[in-house]
């Protein structure tokens, strides 16, 4: 296994999608990544993950940045936007193709829904390999084609700083996955790897809903010769009905009481009470020194506090 990235100073990041205002679930990830970076005397970067342009909501980026600042979290350096980095993703796909690691796929969503098995761990459909050895005759006339990465027999394992040992046999747990969609947009799995490499991110702290994606990202890091960061996946906040707290499930935007929201996120992460934190500035003056990842609940999901869901 490749050692974690080593470029001198450590670097963490928070990478929200601009599909709406920050809610409690996204605040948990932001607080965890910010506290972890500050505790490690690392840089903390903010990246706007707007690679899926059709889902971007006007004004969401500005609202997210302003909300982070209100909660005492300001990025080190300029904010990166994936929508401005298409050329970098294009070069990465070309590099993968040059080593024979990709192929074109002409399968439609409907065909994949009928032919793909669902992995019980991730809930994702596992690509059956229909176009792996060439686009079938019945699909040959289609011009809308995605680009997939071959996973072969790769088994990827890593040690998560909270969840412990994680291992996937990519062929059976994910299948050959998309790096460029049939509409020409680049996939999250590729963009996040290219961007983390470019920003020299050494420590990734994010929600456990993304843990199943990590082996695919490590596979890409190895194919592209990029360093492997460390990973820490925190519990995902869920609603009373058990759904992930998100814009799609009607999560409320954060209220104006930033200190109360910070305290709730801190408690959700299992961290010790900070009695001296009577303001946002005071909170961040003491939180990094108290940050203890061993106290984070080793679970993939937990109910959001009442009133914050």
C-alpha atoms as a PDB file:
ATOM      1  CA  UNK A   1       0.000   0.000   0.000  1.00  0.00           C
ATOM      2  CA  UNK A   2       1.252   3.449  -0.890  1.00  0.00           C
ATOM      3  CA  UNK A   3       2.112   5.658   2.074  1.00  0.00           C
ATOM      4  CA  UNK A   4      -0.094   8.677   2.798  1.00  0.00           C
ATOM      5  CA  UNK A   5       0.758  11.808   0.883  1.00  0.00           C
ATOM      6  CA  UNK A   6       3.863  13.546   2.188  1.00  0.00           C
ATOM      7  CA  UNK A   7       4.366  17.099   0.999  1.00  0.00           C
ATOM      8  CA  UNK A   8       5.578  18.688   4.207  1.00  0.00           C
ATOM      9  CA  UNK A   9       2.563  20.375   5.733  1.00  0.00           C
ATOM     10  CA  UNK A  10      -0.606  18.357   6.137  1.00  0.00           C
ATOM     11  CA  UNK A  11      -3.813  19.390   4.424  1.00  0.00           C
ATOM     12  CA  UNK A  12      -7.485  18.656   5.014  1.00  0.00           C
ATOM     13  CA  UNK A  13     -10.522  19.827   3.114  1.00  0.00           C
ATOM     14  CA  UNK A  14     -14.285  20.262   3.088  1.00  0.00           C
ATOM     15  CA  UNK A  15     -15.947  19.726  -0.278  1.00  0.00           C
ATOM     16  CA  UNK A  16     -19.673  20.581  -0.380  1.00  0.00           C
ATOM     17  CA  UNK A  17     -21.902  20.405  -3.432  1.00  0.00           C
ATOM     18  CA  UNK A  18     -23.688  23.709  -4.193  1.00  0.00           C
ATOM     19  CA  UNK A  19     -27.163  22.166  -4.396  1.00  0.00           C
ATOM     20  CA  UNK A  20     -28.624  24.184  -1.526  1.00  0.00           C
ATOM     21  CA  UNK A  21     -27.787  25.671   1.883  1.00  0.00           C
ATOM     22  CA  UNK A  22     -25.730  23.843   4.493  1.00  0.00           C
ATOM     23  CA  UNK A  23     -27.745  21.715   6.897  1.00  0.00           C
ATOM     24  CA  UNK A  24     -26.813  19.931  10.119  1.00  0.00           C
ATOM     25  CA  UNK A  25     -25.445  16.863   8.312  1.00  0.00           C
ATOM     26  CA  UNK A  26     -23.050  18.914   6.227  1.00  0.00           C
ATOM     27  CA  UNK A  27     -22.068  20.973   9.274  1.00  0.00           C
ATOM     28  CA  UNK A  28     -20.998  17.771  11.056  1.00  0.00           C
ATOM     29  CA  UNK A  29     -18.611  16.953   8.192  1.00  0.00           C
ATOM     30  CA  UNK A  30     -17.321  20.541   8.091  1.00  0.00           C
ATOM     31  CA  UNK A  31     -16.705  20.689  11.841  1.00  0.00           C
ATOM     32  CA  UNK A  32     -14.954  17.300  11.837  1.00  0.00           C
ATOM     33  CA  UNK A  33     -12.676  18.178   8.919  1.00  0.00           C
ATOM     34  CA  UNK A  34     -11.893  21.642  10.280  1.00  0.00           C
ATOM     35  CA  UNK A  35     -11.182  20.424  13.834  1.00  0.00           C
ATOM     36  CA  UNK A  36      -9.032  17.576  12.548  1.00  0.00           C
ATOM     37  CA  UNK A  37      -7.014  19.904  10.330  1.00  0.00           C
ATOM     38  CA  UNK A  38      -6.475  22.467  13.055  1.00  0.00           C
ATOM     39  CA  UNK A  39      -5.550  19.758  15.589  1.00  0.00           C
ATOM     40  CA  UNK A  40      -2.901  18.521  13.129  1.00  0.00           C
ATOM     41  CA  UNK A  41      -1.671  22.052  12.381  1.00  0.00           C
ATOM     42  CA  UNK A  42      -2.755  21.430   8.802  1.00  0.00           C
ATOM     43  CA  UNK A  43      -4.171  23.642   6.102  1.00  0.00           C
ATOM     44  CA  UNK A  44      -7.937  23.484   5.645  1.00  0.00           C
ATOM     45  CA  UNK A  45      -9.200  23.954   2.126  1.00  0.00           C
ATOM     46  CA  UNK A  46     -12.713  24.384   0.749  1.00  0.00           C
ATOM     47  CA  UNK A  47     -13.612  22.951  -2.640  1.00  0.00           C
ATOM     48  CA  UNK A  48     -16.976  23.481  -4.315  1.00  0.00           C
ATOM     49  CA  UNK A  49     -17.903  20.177  -5.945  1.00  0.00           C
ATOM     50  CA  UNK A  50     -20.013  21.472  -8.823  1.00  0.00           C
ATOM     51  CA  UNK A  51     -18.814  18.970 -11.410  1.00  0.00           C
ATOM     52  CA  UNK A  52     -22.461  17.902 -11.824  1.00  0.00           C
ATOM     53  CA  UNK A  53     -23.424  21.242 -13.337  1.00  0.00           C
ATOM     54  CA  UNK A  54     -27.166  20.537 -13.836  1.00  0.00           C
ATOM     55  CA  UNK A  55     -27.612  20.069 -10.059  1.00  0.00           C
ATOM     56  CA  UNK A  56     -25.979  23.373  -9.120  1.00  0.00           C
ATOM     57  CA  UNK A  57     -28.328  25.886  -7.483  1.00  0.00           C
ATOM     58  CA  UNK A  58     -27.707  29.580  -8.128  1.00  0.00           C
ATOM     59  CA  UNK A  59     -26.426  31.357  -5.033  1.00  0.00           C
ATOM     60  CA  UNK A  60     -25.731  28.137  -3.102  1.00  0.00           C
ATOM     61  CA  UNK A  61     -21.955  28.531  -3.192  1.00  0.00           C
ATOM     62  CA  UNK A  62     -22.073  32.018  -1.732  1.00  0.00           C
ATOM     63  CA  UNK A  63     -24.497  30.865   0.953  1.00  0.00           C
ATOM     64  CA  UNK A  64     -22.280  27.901   1.884  1.00  0.00           C
ATOM     65  CA  UNK A  65     -19.152  30.040   2.188  1.00  0.00           C
ATOM     66  CA  UNK A  66     -20.989  32.648   4.250  1.00  0.00           C
ATOM     67  CA  UNK A  67     -22.456  29.971   6.534  1.00  0.00           C
ATOM     68  CA  UNK A  68     -19.045  28.404   7.108  1.00  0.00           C
ATOM     69  CA  UNK A  69     -17.630  31.829   7.993  1.00  0.00           C
ATOM     70  CA  UNK A  70     -20.503  32.465  10.417  1.00  0.00           C
ATOM     71  CA  UNK A  71     -19.533  29.203  12.119  1.00  0.00           C
ATOM     72  CA  UNK A  72     -15.890  30.260  12.354  1.00  0.00           C
ATOM     73  CA  UNK A  73     -14.549  28.203   9.447  1.00  0.00           C
ATOM     74  CA  UNK A  74     -12.634  30.086   6.755  1.00  0.00           C
ATOM     75  CA  UNK A  75     -10.580  28.318   4.113  1.00  0.00           C
ATOM     76  CA  UNK A  76      -6.827  28.600   3.829  1.00  0.00           C
ATOM     77  CA  UNK A  77      -6.144  29.789   0.294  1.00  0.00           C
ATOM     78  CA  UNK A  78      -8.485  30.217  -2.636  1.00  0.00           C
ATOM     79  CA  UNK A  79     -11.660  28.197  -3.017  1.00  0.00           C
ATOM     80  CA  UNK A  80     -11.463  25.648  -5.837  1.00  0.00           C
ATOM     81  CA  UNK A  81     -14.451  25.009  -8.108  1.00  0.00           C
ATOM     82  CA  UNK A  82     -14.651  21.768 -10.024  1.00  0.00           C
ATOM     83  CA  UNK A  83     -16.530  23.432 -12.862  1.00  0.00           C
ATOM     84  CA  UNK A  84     -13.301  25.290 -13.686  1.00  0.00           C
ATOM     85  CA  UNK A  85     -11.153  22.155 -13.775  1.00  0.00           C
ATOM     86  CA  UNK A  86     -12.520  20.237 -16.768  1.00  0.00           C
ATOM     87  CA  UNK A  87      -9.151  20.260 -18.565  1.00  0.00           C
ATOM     88  CA  UNK A  88      -7.499  18.508 -15.600  1.00  0.00           C
ATOM     89  CA  UNK A  89     -10.117  15.746 -15.632  1.00  0.00           C
ATOM     90  CA  UNK A  90      -9.754  15.370 -19.380  1.00  0.00           C
ATOM     91  CA  UNK A  91      -6.003  14.840 -18.995  1.00  0.00           C
ATOM     92  CA  UNK A  92      -6.561  12.277 -16.252  1.00  0.00           C
ATOM     93  CA  UNK A  93      -8.948  10.248 -18.428  1.00  0.00           C
ATOM     94  CA  UNK A  94      -6.449  10.440 -21.296  1.00  0.00           C
ATOM     95  CA  UNK A  95      -3.737   9.121 -18.971  1.00  0.00           C
ATOM     96  CA  UNK A  96      -5.968   6.234 -17.904  1.00  0.00           C
ATOM     97  CA  UNK A  97      -6.793   5.445 -21.524  1.00  0.00           C
ATOM     98  CA  UNK A  98      -3.108   5.496 -22.471  1.00  0.00           C
ATOM     99  CA  UNK A  99      -2.433   2.628 -20.092  1.00  0.00           C
ATOM    100  CA  UNK A 100      -5.450   0.638 -21.307  1.00  0.00           C
ATOM    101  CA  UNK A 101      -7.406   1.160 -18.096  1.00  0.00           C
ATOM    102  CA  UNK A 102     -10.624   2.480 -19.671  1.00  0.00           C
ATOM    103  CA  UNK A 103     -13.208   1.543 -22.271  1.00  0.00           C
ATOM    104  CA  UNK A 104     -16.369   3.001 -23.791  1.00  0.00           C
ATOM    105  CA  UNK A 105     -19.757   1.899 -22.497  1.00  0.00           C
ATOM    106  CA  UNK A 106     -22.980   2.386 -24.455  1.00  0.00           C
ATOM    107  CA  UNK A 107     -25.376   0.880 -21.898  1.00  0.00           C
ATOM    108  CA  UNK A 108     -28.451   2.919 -21.016  1.00  0.00           C
ATOM    109  CA  UNK A 109     -29.740   3.452 -17.477  1.00  0.00           C
ATOM    110  CA  UNK A 110     -32.700   1.181 -18.223  1.00  0.00           C
ATOM    111  CA  UNK A 111     -30.430  -1.623 -19.431  1.00  0.00           C
ATOM    112  CA  UNK A 112     -28.199  -1.303 -16.388  1.00  0.00           C
ATOM    113  CA  UNK A 113     -31.206  -1.402 -14.084  1.00  0.00           C
ATOM    114  CA  UNK A 114     -32.231  -4.734 -15.611  1.00  0.00           C
ATOM    115  CA  UNK A 115     -28.764  -6.289 -15.872  1.00  0.00           C
ATOM    116  CA  UNK A 116     -26.922  -5.057 -12.781  1.00  0.00           C
ATOM    117  CA  UNK A 117     -26.906  -6.704  -9.388  1.00  0.00           C
ATOM    118  CA  UNK A 118     -27.186  -4.485  -6.309  1.00  0.00           C
ATOM    119  CA  UNK A 119     -24.346  -4.680  -3.802  1.00  0.00           C
ATOM    120  CA  UNK A 120     -25.995  -5.203  -0.381  1.00  0.00           C
ATOM    121  CA  UNK A 121     -23.302  -3.233   1.468  1.00  0.00           C
ATOM    122  CA  UNK A 122     -23.396  -0.031  -0.588  1.00  0.00           C
ATOM    123  CA  UNK A 123     -26.803  -0.289  -2.233  1.00  0.00           C
ATOM    124  CA  UNK A 124     -25.127   0.504  -5.554  1.00  0.00           C
ATOM    125  CA  UNK A 125     -25.557  -1.376  -8.802  1.00  0.00           C
ATOM    126  CA  UNK A 126     -22.547  -3.468  -9.824  1.00  0.00           C
ATOM    127  CA  UNK A 127     -21.753  -3.089 -13.520  1.00  0.00           C
ATOM    128  CA  UNK A 128     -22.013  -6.503 -15.248  1.00  0.00           C
ATOM    129  CA  UNK A 129     -19.272  -5.831 -17.823  1.00  0.00           C
ATOM    130  CA  UNK A 130     -21.515  -5.657 -20.891  1.00  0.00           C
ATOM    131  CA  UNK A 131     -19.145  -3.420 -22.912  1.00  0.00           C
ATOM    132  CA  UNK A 132     -15.852  -4.500 -21.328  1.00  0.00           C
ATOM    133  CA  UNK A 133     -14.668  -6.404 -24.389  1.00  0.00           C
ATOM    134  CA  UNK A 134     -16.183  -4.005 -26.897  1.00  0.00           C
ATOM    135  CA  UNK A 135     -19.551  -2.367 -27.433  1.00  0.00           C
ATOM    136  CA  UNK A 136     -22.053  -5.108 -28.408  1.00  0.00           C
ATOM    137  CA  UNK A 137     -23.477  -5.024 -31.922  1.00  0.00           C
ATOM    138  CA  UNK A 138     -26.887  -3.926 -30.698  1.00  0.00           C
ATOM    139  CA  UNK A 139     -25.322  -0.878 -29.015  1.00  0.00           C
ATOM    140  CA  UNK A 140     -22.743   0.005 -31.663  1.00  0.00           C
ATOM    141  CA  UNK A 141     -24.750   2.786 -33.305  1.00  0.00           C
ATOM    142  CA  UNK A 142     -25.096   4.751 -30.079  1.00  0.00           C
ATOM    143  CA  UNK A 143     -22.969   7.873 -29.893  1.00  0.00           C
ATOM    144  CA  UNK A 144     -23.762   8.718 -26.253  1.00  0.00           C
ATOM    145  CA  UNK A 145     -21.136   6.677 -24.473  1.00  0.00           C
ATOM    146  CA  UNK A 146     -19.664   6.755 -20.995  1.00  0.00           C
ATOM    147  CA  UNK A 147     -16.038   5.946 -20.132  1.00  0.00           C
ATOM    148  CA  UNK A 148     -15.471   3.236 -17.538  1.00  0.00           C
ATOM    149  CA  UNK A 149     -12.358   2.192 -15.623  1.00  0.00           C
ATOM    150  CA  UNK A 150     -11.409  -1.453 -15.515  1.00  0.00           C
ATOM    151  CA  UNK A 151     -11.103  -2.799 -11.985  1.00  0.00           C
ATOM    152  CA  UNK A 152      -9.869  -6.282 -12.917  1.00  0.00           C
ATOM    153  CA  UNK A 153      -9.266  -8.434  -9.860  1.00  0.00           C
ATOM    154  CA  UNK A 154      -8.235  -5.560  -7.598  1.00  0.00           C
ATOM    155  CA  UNK A 155      -9.032  -5.852  -3.912  1.00  0.00           C
ATOM    156  CA  UNK A 156      -8.576  -2.537  -2.152  1.00  0.00           C
ATOM    157  CA  UNK A 157      -8.134  -2.275   1.616  1.00  0.00           C
ATOM    158  CA  UNK A 158      -7.467   0.696   3.854  1.00  0.00           C
ATOM    159  CA  UNK A 159      -7.561   1.565   7.546  1.00  0.00           C
ATOM    160  CA  UNK A 160     -10.143   4.200   8.363  1.00  0.00           C
ATOM    161  CA  UNK A 161      -9.239   6.273  11.412  1.00  0.00           C
ATOM    162  CA  UNK A 162     -12.714   5.685  12.889  1.00  0.00           C
ATOM    163  CA  UNK A 163     -14.330   2.783  11.069  1.00  0.00           C
ATOM    164  CA  UNK A 164     -11.254   0.542  11.117  1.00  0.00           C
ATOM    165  CA  UNK A 165     -10.403  -1.968   8.391  1.00  0.00           C
ATOM    166  CA  UNK A 166     -12.344  -1.539   5.154  1.00  0.00           C
ATOM    167  CA  UNK A 167     -11.903  -3.863   2.188  1.00  0.00           C
ATOM    168  CA  UNK A 168     -13.598  -4.237  -1.179  1.00  0.00           C
ATOM    169  CA  UNK A 169     -13.205  -6.649  -4.061  1.00  0.00           C
ATOM    170  CA  UNK A 170     -13.970  -4.060  -6.717  1.00  0.00           C
ATOM    171  CA  UNK A 171     -15.213  -6.493  -9.358  1.00  0.00           C
ATOM    172  CA  UNK A 172     -18.003  -7.830  -7.139  1.00  0.00           C
ATOM    173  CA  UNK A 173     -18.613  -4.810  -4.904  1.00  0.00           C
ATOM    174  CA  UNK A 174     -18.541  -2.021  -7.500  1.00  0.00           C
ATOM    175  CA  UNK A 175     -17.687  -3.267 -10.959  1.00  0.00           C
ATOM    176  CA  UNK A 176     -16.005  -1.207 -13.660  1.00  0.00           C
ATOM    177  CA  UNK A 177     -17.103   2.325 -12.809  1.00  0.00           C
ATOM    178  CA  UNK A 178     -17.775   5.507 -14.768  1.00  0.00           C
ATOM    179  CA  UNK A 179     -15.200   8.315 -14.882  1.00  0.00           C
ATOM    180  CA  UNK A 180     -16.817  10.273 -17.737  1.00  0.00           C
ATOM    181  CA  UNK A 181     -20.557  10.220 -18.180  1.00  0.00           C
ATOM    182  CA  UNK A 182     -22.376   9.757 -21.461  1.00  0.00           C
ATOM    183  CA  UNK A 183     -23.394  13.451 -21.346  1.00  0.00           C
ATOM    184  CA  UNK A 184     -19.712  14.432 -21.314  1.00  0.00           C
ATOM    185  CA  UNK A 185     -19.549  15.465 -17.663  1.00  0.00           C
ATOM    186  CA  UNK A 186     -16.845  13.938 -15.479  1.00  0.00           C
ATOM    187  CA  UNK A 187     -17.828  11.678 -12.622  1.00  0.00           C
ATOM    188  CA  UNK A 188     -17.372  12.469  -8.943  1.00  0.00           C
ATOM    189  CA  UNK A 189     -15.036   9.506  -8.426  1.00  0.00           C
ATOM    190  CA  UNK A 190     -12.526  10.906 -10.919  1.00  0.00           C
ATOM    191  CA  UNK A 191     -12.886  14.595 -10.058  1.00  0.00           C
ATOM    192  CA  UNK A 192     -12.371  14.134  -6.334  1.00  0.00           C
ATOM    193  CA  UNK A 193      -9.205  12.094  -6.868  1.00  0.00           C
ATOM    194  CA  UNK A 194      -7.700  14.554  -9.334  1.00  0.00           C
ATOM    195  CA  UNK A 195      -8.543  17.519  -7.105  1.00  0.00           C
ATOM    196  CA  UNK A 196      -7.249  15.944  -3.887  1.00  0.00           C
ATOM    197  CA  UNK A 197      -4.016  15.162  -5.687  1.00  0.00           C
ATOM    198  CA  UNK A 198      -3.685  18.688  -7.073  1.00  0.00           C
ATOM    199  CA  UNK A 199      -4.344  20.280  -3.671  1.00  0.00           C
ATOM    200  CA  UNK A 200      -2.003  17.826  -1.939  1.00  0.00           C
ATOM    201  CA  UNK A 201      -4.686  16.744   0.492  1.00  0.00           C
ATOM    202  CA  UNK A 202      -3.207  14.407   3.087  1.00  0.00           C
ATOM    203  CA  UNK A 203      -6.211  13.826   5.358  1.00  0.00           C
ATOM    204  CA  UNK A 204      -9.764  13.283   4.131  1.00  0.00           C
ATOM    205  CA  UNK A 205     -12.502  13.644   6.757  1.00  0.00           C
ATOM    206  CA  UNK A 206     -16.053  13.200   5.505  1.00  0.00           C
ATOM    207  CA  UNK A 207     -19.354  11.376   6.038  1.00  0.00           C
ATOM    208  CA  UNK A 208     -19.575   7.602   6.196  1.00  0.00           C
ATOM    209  CA  UNK A 209     -21.985   7.588   3.255  1.00  0.00           C
ATOM    210  CA  UNK A 210     -18.860   7.983   1.099  1.00  0.00           C
ATOM    211  CA  UNK A 211     -16.870   5.138   2.616  1.00  0.00           C
ATOM    212  CA  UNK A 212     -17.999   2.700  -0.089  1.00  0.00           C
ATOM    213  CA  UNK A 213     -16.548   5.067  -2.715  1.00  0.00           C
ATOM    214  CA  UNK A 214     -13.110   5.167  -1.110  1.00  0.00           C
ATOM    215  CA  UNK A 215     -11.738   1.904  -2.590  1.00  0.00           C
ATOM    216  CA  UNK A 216     -12.621   3.121  -6.089  1.00  0.00           C
ATOM    217  CA  UNK A 217     -10.848   6.385  -5.378  1.00  0.00           C
ATOM    218  CA  UNK A 218      -7.775   4.557  -4.084  1.00  0.00           C
ATOM    219  CA  UNK A 219      -7.827   2.441  -7.258  1.00  0.00           C
ATOM    220  CA  UNK A 220      -7.737   5.639  -9.330  1.00  0.00           C
ATOM    221  CA  UNK A 221      -5.002   7.142  -7.168  1.00  0.00           C
ATOM    222  CA  UNK A 222      -2.840   4.109  -7.856  1.00  0.00           C
ATOM    223  CA  UNK A 223      -3.565   4.128 -11.590  1.00  0.00           C
ATOM    224  CA  UNK A 224      -2.734   7.849 -11.805  1.00  0.00           C
ATOM    225  CA  UNK A 225       0.323   7.646  -9.541  1.00  0.00           C
ATOM    226  CA  UNK A 226      -1.161   9.931  -6.896  1.00  0.00           C
ATOM    227  CA  UNK A 227      -0.399   9.723  -3.150  1.00  0.00           C
ATOM    228  CA  UNK A 228      -3.032   8.117  -0.918  1.00  0.00           C
ATOM    229  CA  UNK A 229      -4.447  10.321   1.844  1.00  0.00           C
ATOM    230  CA  UNK A 230      -5.568   9.039   5.220  1.00  0.00           C
ATOM    231  CA  UNK A 231      -9.335   8.628   5.677  1.00  0.00           C
ATOM    232  CA  UNK A 232     -11.702   9.333   8.543  1.00  0.00           C
ATOM    233  CA  UNK A 233     -15.409   8.757   7.985  1.00  0.00           C
ATOM    234  CA  UNK A 234     -17.799  10.239  10.541  1.00  0.00           C
ATOM    235  CA  UNK A 235     -21.383   9.093  11.180  1.00  0.00           C
ATOM    236  CA  UNK A 236     -24.043  10.461   8.866  1.00  0.00           C
ATOM    237  CA  UNK A 237     -26.906  12.383  10.451  1.00  0.00           C
ATOM    238  CA  UNK A 238     -30.279  10.789   9.706  1.00  0.00           C
ATOM    239  CA  UNK A 239     -33.895  11.844  10.113  1.00  0.00           C
ATOM    240  CA  UNK A 240     -36.345  10.286  12.567  1.00  0.00           C
ATOM    241  CA  UNK A 241     -37.503   7.991   9.744  1.00  0.00           C
ATOM    242  CA  UNK A 242     -33.958   6.761   9.119  1.00  0.00           C
ATOM    243  CA  UNK A 243     -33.221   8.695   5.921  1.00  0.00           C
ATOM    244  CA  UNK A 244     -29.916  10.475   5.407  1.00  0.00           C
ATOM    245  CA  UNK A 245     -30.277  14.150   6.270  1.00  0.00           C
ATOM    246  CA  UNK A 246     -29.963  15.927   2.927  1.00  0.00           C
ATOM    247  CA  UNK A 247     -31.526  18.512   0.714  1.00  0.00           C
ATOM    248  CA  UNK A 248     -33.493  15.705  -0.959  1.00  0.00           C
ATOM    249  CA  UNK A 249     -35.041  14.643   2.363  1.00  0.00           C
ATOM    250  CA  UNK A 250     -36.011  18.196   3.262  1.00  0.00           C
ATOM    251  CA  UNK A 251     -33.188  19.059   5.646  1.00  0.00           C
ATOM    252  CA  UNK A 252     -33.542  22.546   7.066  1.00  0.00           C
ATOM    253  CA  UNK A 253     -30.904  25.208   6.545  1.00  0.00           C
ATOM    254  CA  UNK A 254     -28.855  25.998   9.629  1.00  0.00           C
ATOM    255  CA  UNK A 255     -30.316  28.612  11.972  1.00  0.00           C
ATOM    256  CA  UNK A 256     -28.701  31.874  13.010  1.00  0.00           C
ATOM    257  CA  UNK A 257     -27.405  30.560  16.357  1.00  0.00           C
ATOM    258  CA  UNK A 258     -24.030  29.397  15.093  1.00  0.00           C
ATOM    259  CA  UNK A 259     -22.647  28.523  18.521  1.00  0.00           C
ATOM    260  CA  UNK A 260     -25.603  26.248  19.291  1.00  0.00           C
ATOM    261  CA  UNK A 261     -25.189  24.484  15.932  1.00  0.00           C
ATOM    262  CA  UNK A 262     -21.447  24.031  16.528  1.00  0.00           C
ATOM    263  CA  UNK A 263     -22.086  22.598  19.991  1.00  0.00           C
ATOM    264  CA  UNK A 264     -24.671  20.164  18.584  1.00  0.00           C
ATOM    265  CA  UNK A 265     -22.310  18.988  15.835  1.00  0.00           C
ATOM    266  CA  UNK A 266     -19.482  18.629  18.368  1.00  0.00           C
ATOM    267  CA  UNK A 267     -21.676  16.504  20.643  1.00  0.00           C
ATOM    268  CA  UNK A 268     -22.887  14.433  17.661  1.00  0.00           C
ATOM    269  CA  UNK A 269     -19.215  13.607  17.012  1.00  0.00           C
ATOM    270  CA  UNK A 270     -18.812  12.343  20.583  1.00  0.00           C
ATOM    271  CA  UNK A 271     -16.420  15.094  21.603  1.00  0.00           C
ATOM    272  CA  UNK A 272     -16.022  16.395  25.178  1.00  0.00           C
ATOM    273  CA  UNK A 273     -17.959  19.424  26.343  1.00  0.00           C
ATOM    274  CA  UNK A 274     -16.176  22.759  25.964  1.00  0.00           C
ATOM    275  CA  UNK A 275     -17.393  24.798  28.956  1.00  0.00           C
ATOM    276  CA  UNK A 276     -15.299  27.863  28.066  1.00  0.00           C
ATOM    277  CA  UNK A 277     -16.761  28.092  24.547  1.00  0.00           C
ATOM    278  CA  UNK A 278     -19.216  30.955  25.005  1.00  0.00           C
ATOM    279  CA  UNK A 279     -18.735  32.339  21.480  1.00  0.00           C
ATOM    280  CA  UNK A 280     -17.813  31.001  18.048  1.00  0.00           C
ATOM    281  CA  UNK A 281     -14.271  32.357  18.370  1.00  0.00           C
ATOM    282  CA  UNK A 282     -13.918  30.836  21.837  1.00  0.00           C
ATOM    283  CA  UNK A 283     -15.195  27.508  20.494  1.00  0.00           C
ATOM    284  CA  UNK A 284     -12.469  27.324  17.858  1.00  0.00           C
ATOM    285  CA  UNK A 285      -9.845  28.552  20.308  1.00  0.00           C
ATOM    286  CA  UNK A 286     -10.278  25.371  22.374  1.00  0.00           C
ATOM    287  CA  UNK A 287     -11.853  22.780  20.049  1.00  0.00           C
ATOM    288  CA  UNK A 288      -8.689  21.694  18.176  1.00  0.00           C
ATOM    289  CA  UNK A 289      -6.898  20.937  21.436  1.00  0.00           C
ATOM    290  CA  UNK A 290      -9.831  18.835  22.639  1.00  0.00           C
ATOM    291  CA  UNK A 291     -10.409  17.029  19.324  1.00  0.00           C
ATOM    292  CA  UNK A 292     -10.238  13.262  19.872  1.00  0.00           C
ATOM    293  CA  UNK A 293     -11.107  11.025  16.890  1.00  0.00           C
ATOM    294  CA  UNK A 294     -11.172   7.966  19.164  1.00  0.00           C
ATOM    295  CA  UNK A 295     -14.367   9.371  20.710  1.00  0.00           C
ATOM    296  CA  UNK A 296     -16.250   9.513  17.396  1.00  0.00           C
ATOM    297  CA  UNK A 297     -18.993   6.847  17.356  1.00  0.00           C
ATOM    298  CA  UNK A 298     -18.032   3.939  15.142  1.00  0.00           C
ATOM    299  CA  UNK A 299     -21.316   3.855  13.310  1.00  0.00           C
ATOM    300  CA  UNK A 300     -22.355   4.816   9.807  1.00  0.00           C
ATOM    301  CA  UNK A 301     -25.407   6.810  10.867  1.00  0.00           C
ATOM    302  CA  UNK A 302     -27.026   8.432  13.899  1.00  0.00           C
ATOM    303  CA  UNK A 303     -30.175  10.528  14.419  1.00  0.00           C
ATOM    304  CA  UNK A 304     -29.750  14.277  14.121  1.00  0.00           C
ATOM    305  CA  UNK A 305     -30.630  16.235  17.284  1.00  0.00           C
ATOM    306  CA  UNK A 306     -34.259  17.242  17.574  1.00  0.00           C
ATOM    307  CA  UNK A 307     -34.880  20.554  15.872  1.00  0.00           C
ATOM    308  CA  UNK A 308     -31.852  20.224  13.557  1.00  0.00           C
ATOM    309  CA  UNK A 309     -33.202  17.597  11.184  1.00  0.00           C
END
